[in-house]
């Protein structure tokens, strides 16, 4: 059980650090969108702003997702769940997290396949006028999915420890 606690601790520290950095991506996104508005009014409209804003948004939510799960910020139907005991919540969560792990595994499989495709054809590019390479955003998505998988397993392990009656330290905000 100490191995589980060590895994949980390492994954949560890593995802917390990455999530806290990713959270500032919103300011980069705002700057890009501000530049888009300014350039349309005062200069020639920039070709890169829309796609770059989309890429930054993907990085923002895919790298911040594991941190959101860790903090319990995910959306959950609370009609019954809020009234349940900690042990019952852990039992239900340990089943539902398996569905998330399966989904993330399929998503990672597709993401890796798409990233390999992007590299294997001389650098896949977007079909827009700006034509950026797509491998950086595909790699970011794969990294984010791996981080989410690691966090999902940490959540599963926390539920297992709760079912065994062990205390889990509260997550550090």
Protein backbone atom coordinates (compact mmCIF):
# COMPACT_ATOMS: atom_id res chain seq x y z
CA UNK A 1 0.00 0.00 0.00
CA UNK A 2 2.94 2.34 0.46
CA UNK A 3 3.68 1.91 -3.28
CA UNK A 4 0.15 3.15 -4.04
CA UNK A 5 0.62 6.14 -1.76
CA UNK A 6 3.97 6.94 -3.39
CA UNK A 7 2.40 6.71 -6.88
CA UNK A 8 -0.51 8.93 -5.83
CA UNK A 9 1.84 11.49 -4.30
CA UNK A 10 4.18 11.65 -7.31
CA UNK A 11 1.41 11.86 -9.89
CA UNK A 12 -0.49 14.50 -7.94
CA UNK A 13 2.60 16.66 -7.45
CA UNK A 14 3.46 16.42 -11.15
CA UNK A 15 -0.09 17.16 -12.33
CA UNK A 16 -0.43 19.98 -9.83
CA UNK A 17 2.74 21.65 -11.13
CA UNK A 18 1.74 21.21 -14.78
CA UNK A 19 -1.83 22.31 -14.08
CA UNK A 20 -0.72 25.44 -12.25
CA UNK A 21 1.46 26.42 -15.23
CA UNK A 22 -1.22 25.50 -17.80
CA UNK A 23 -3.75 27.64 -15.97
CA UNK A 24 -1.86 30.75 -17.12
CA UNK A 25 -2.51 29.72 -20.72
CA UNK A 26 -5.75 31.67 -20.50
CA UNK A 27 -3.70 34.89 -20.51
CA UNK A 28 -1.84 33.79 -23.65
CA UNK A 29 -5.18 32.99 -25.25
CA UNK A 30 -6.52 36.42 -24.29
CA UNK A 31 -3.43 38.10 -25.75
CA UNK A 32 -3.81 36.25 -29.04
CA UNK A 33 -7.50 37.14 -29.29
CA UNK A 34 -6.77 40.76 -28.37
CA UNK A 35 -4.12 40.93 -31.10
CA UNK A 36 -6.64 39.42 -33.52
CA UNK A 37 -9.13 42.18 -32.75
CA UNK A 38 -6.52 44.96 -32.88
CA UNK A 39 -4.99 43.74 -36.12
CA UNK A 40 -8.41 43.56 -37.82
CA UNK A 41 -9.17 47.16 -36.91
CA UNK A 42 -5.80 48.89 -37.32
CA UNK A 43 -3.65 46.61 -39.50
CA UNK A 44 -3.98 43.79 -41.96
CA UNK A 45 -5.83 40.89 -40.30
CA UNK A 46 -3.47 38.17 -39.11
CA UNK A 47 -3.85 34.73 -40.66
CA UNK A 48 -2.49 32.87 -37.65
CA UNK A 49 -4.61 34.14 -34.77
CA UNK A 50 -7.66 31.86 -35.04
CA UNK A 51 -5.68 28.62 -35.30
CA UNK A 52 -3.16 29.71 -32.70
CA UNK A 53 -6.00 30.54 -30.31
CA UNK A 54 -7.44 27.06 -30.93
CA UNK A 55 -4.05 25.43 -30.29
CA UNK A 56 -3.53 27.37 -27.06
CA UNK A 57 -7.06 26.48 -25.93
CA UNK A 58 -6.40 22.78 -26.55
CA UNK A 59 -3.17 22.98 -24.52
CA UNK A 60 -4.98 24.90 -21.79
CA UNK A 61 -7.72 22.38 -21.21
CA UNK A 62 -5.88 19.15 -22.02
CA UNK A 63 -2.95 19.93 -19.72
CA UNK A 64 -5.22 21.39 -17.03
CA UNK A 65 -7.65 18.46 -17.06
CA UNK A 66 -5.67 16.17 -14.74
CA UNK A 67 -5.33 19.00 -12.22
CA UNK A 68 -9.09 19.61 -12.39
CA UNK A 69 -9.76 15.92 -11.69
CA UNK A 70 -7.29 16.04 -8.80
CA UNK A 71 -9.03 19.06 -7.29
CA UNK A 72 -12.49 17.51 -7.72
CA UNK A 73 -13.54 20.24 -10.14
CA UNK A 74 -15.12 17.79 -12.53
CA UNK A 75 -18.85 17.86 -13.10
CA UNK A 76 -20.76 15.15 -11.27
CA UNK A 77 -24.47 14.43 -10.90
CA UNK A 78 -24.98 15.14 -7.22
CA UNK A 79 -28.57 14.01 -6.77
CA UNK A 80 -27.61 10.94 -4.76
CA UNK A 81 -23.83 11.15 -4.58
CA UNK A 82 -23.69 14.02 -2.09
CA UNK A 83 -25.61 12.06 0.54
CA UNK A 84 -23.50 8.90 0.31
CA UNK A 85 -20.83 7.85 2.78
CA UNK A 86 -17.16 8.13 1.86
CA UNK A 87 -16.95 4.37 1.47
CA UNK A 88 -19.94 4.18 -0.88
CA UNK A 89 -18.60 7.09 -2.94
CA UNK A 90 -15.26 5.28 -3.23
CA UNK A 91 -17.01 2.08 -4.35
CA UNK A 92 -19.01 3.84 -7.07
CA UNK A 93 -16.04 5.98 -8.13
CA UNK A 94 -13.80 2.92 -8.41
CA UNK A 95 -16.24 1.45 -10.95
CA UNK A 96 -16.87 4.63 -12.94
CA UNK A 97 -13.17 5.52 -13.11
CA UNK A 98 -12.64 2.27 -15.02
CA UNK A 99 -14.88 3.63 -17.78
CA UNK A 100 -12.78 6.80 -17.86
CA UNK A 101 -9.57 4.76 -18.04
CA UNK A 102 -10.99 2.72 -20.95
CA UNK A 103 -12.08 5.90 -22.77
CA UNK A 104 -8.70 7.54 -22.25
CA UNK A 105 -6.93 4.40 -23.48
CA UNK A 106 -8.92 4.45 -26.72
CA UNK A 107 -8.34 8.20 -27.04
CA UNK A 108 -4.59 7.75 -26.51
CA UNK A 109 -4.47 4.95 -29.08
CA UNK A 110 -6.10 7.24 -31.68
CA UNK A 111 -3.93 10.18 -30.64
CA UNK A 112 -0.71 8.22 -31.02
CA UNK A 113 -1.85 6.87 -34.39
CA UNK A 114 -2.69 10.39 -35.56
CA UNK A 115 0.62 11.77 -34.29
CA UNK A 116 2.57 9.01 -36.08
CA UNK A 117 0.64 9.82 -39.26
CA UNK A 118 1.52 13.49 -38.83
CA UNK A 119 5.24 12.68 -38.64
CA UNK A 120 5.34 9.98 -41.31
CA UNK A 121 4.11 12.14 -44.19
CA UNK A 122 6.78 14.81 -44.06
CA UNK A 123 5.04 16.90 -41.48
CA UNK A 124 1.27 17.14 -41.76
CA UNK A 125 0.06 20.69 -42.10
CA UNK A 126 -3.26 22.37 -41.58
CA UNK A 127 -5.15 23.04 -44.84
CA UNK A 128 -5.59 26.73 -44.00
CA UNK A 129 -3.77 29.76 -45.40
CA UNK A 130 -1.36 29.82 -42.44
CA UNK A 131 -0.53 26.09 -42.80
CA UNK A 132 1.02 25.34 -39.39
CA UNK A 133 2.48 21.94 -38.62
CA UNK A 134 0.00 19.80 -36.69
CA UNK A 135 2.39 17.51 -34.84
CA UNK A 136 3.00 19.91 -31.92
CA UNK A 137 -0.67 20.05 -30.99
CA UNK A 138 -1.08 16.31 -31.51
CA UNK A 139 1.89 15.66 -29.23
CA UNK A 140 0.41 18.01 -26.65
CA UNK A 141 -2.85 16.08 -26.80
CA UNK A 142 -1.05 12.75 -26.32
CA UNK A 143 0.92 14.12 -23.36
CA UNK A 144 -2.28 15.50 -21.81
CA UNK A 145 -4.07 12.19 -22.26
CA UNK A 146 -1.18 10.32 -20.62
CA UNK A 147 -1.26 12.76 -17.70
CA UNK A 148 -5.02 12.27 -17.41
CA UNK A 149 -4.54 8.49 -17.44
CA UNK A 150 -1.95 8.75 -14.68
CA UNK A 151 -4.33 10.91 -12.64
CA UNK A 152 -7.22 8.52 -13.28
CA UNK A 153 -5.15 5.63 -11.93
CA UNK A 154 -4.21 7.78 -8.91
CA UNK A 155 -7.92 8.41 -8.30
CA UNK A 156 -8.60 4.67 -8.61
CA UNK A 157 -5.84 3.91 -6.11
CA UNK A 158 -7.22 6.53 -3.70
CA UNK A 159 -10.63 4.86 -3.94
CA UNK A 160 -9.05 1.45 -3.25
CA UNK A 161 -7.33 2.84 -0.17
CA UNK A 162 -10.59 4.42 1.01
CA UNK A 163 -12.39 1.09 0.56
CA UNK A 164 -9.73 -0.53 2.73
CA UNK A 165 -10.55 2.03 5.40
CA UNK A 166 -7.32 4.02 5.11
CA UNK A 167 -7.24 7.78 5.43
CA UNK A 168 -6.28 9.77 2.35
CA UNK A 169 -4.75 13.18 2.93
CA UNK A 170 -6.78 16.02 1.45
CA UNK A 171 -5.48 17.36 -1.86
CA UNK A 172 -3.38 20.48 -1.58
CA UNK A 173 -4.94 23.37 -3.45
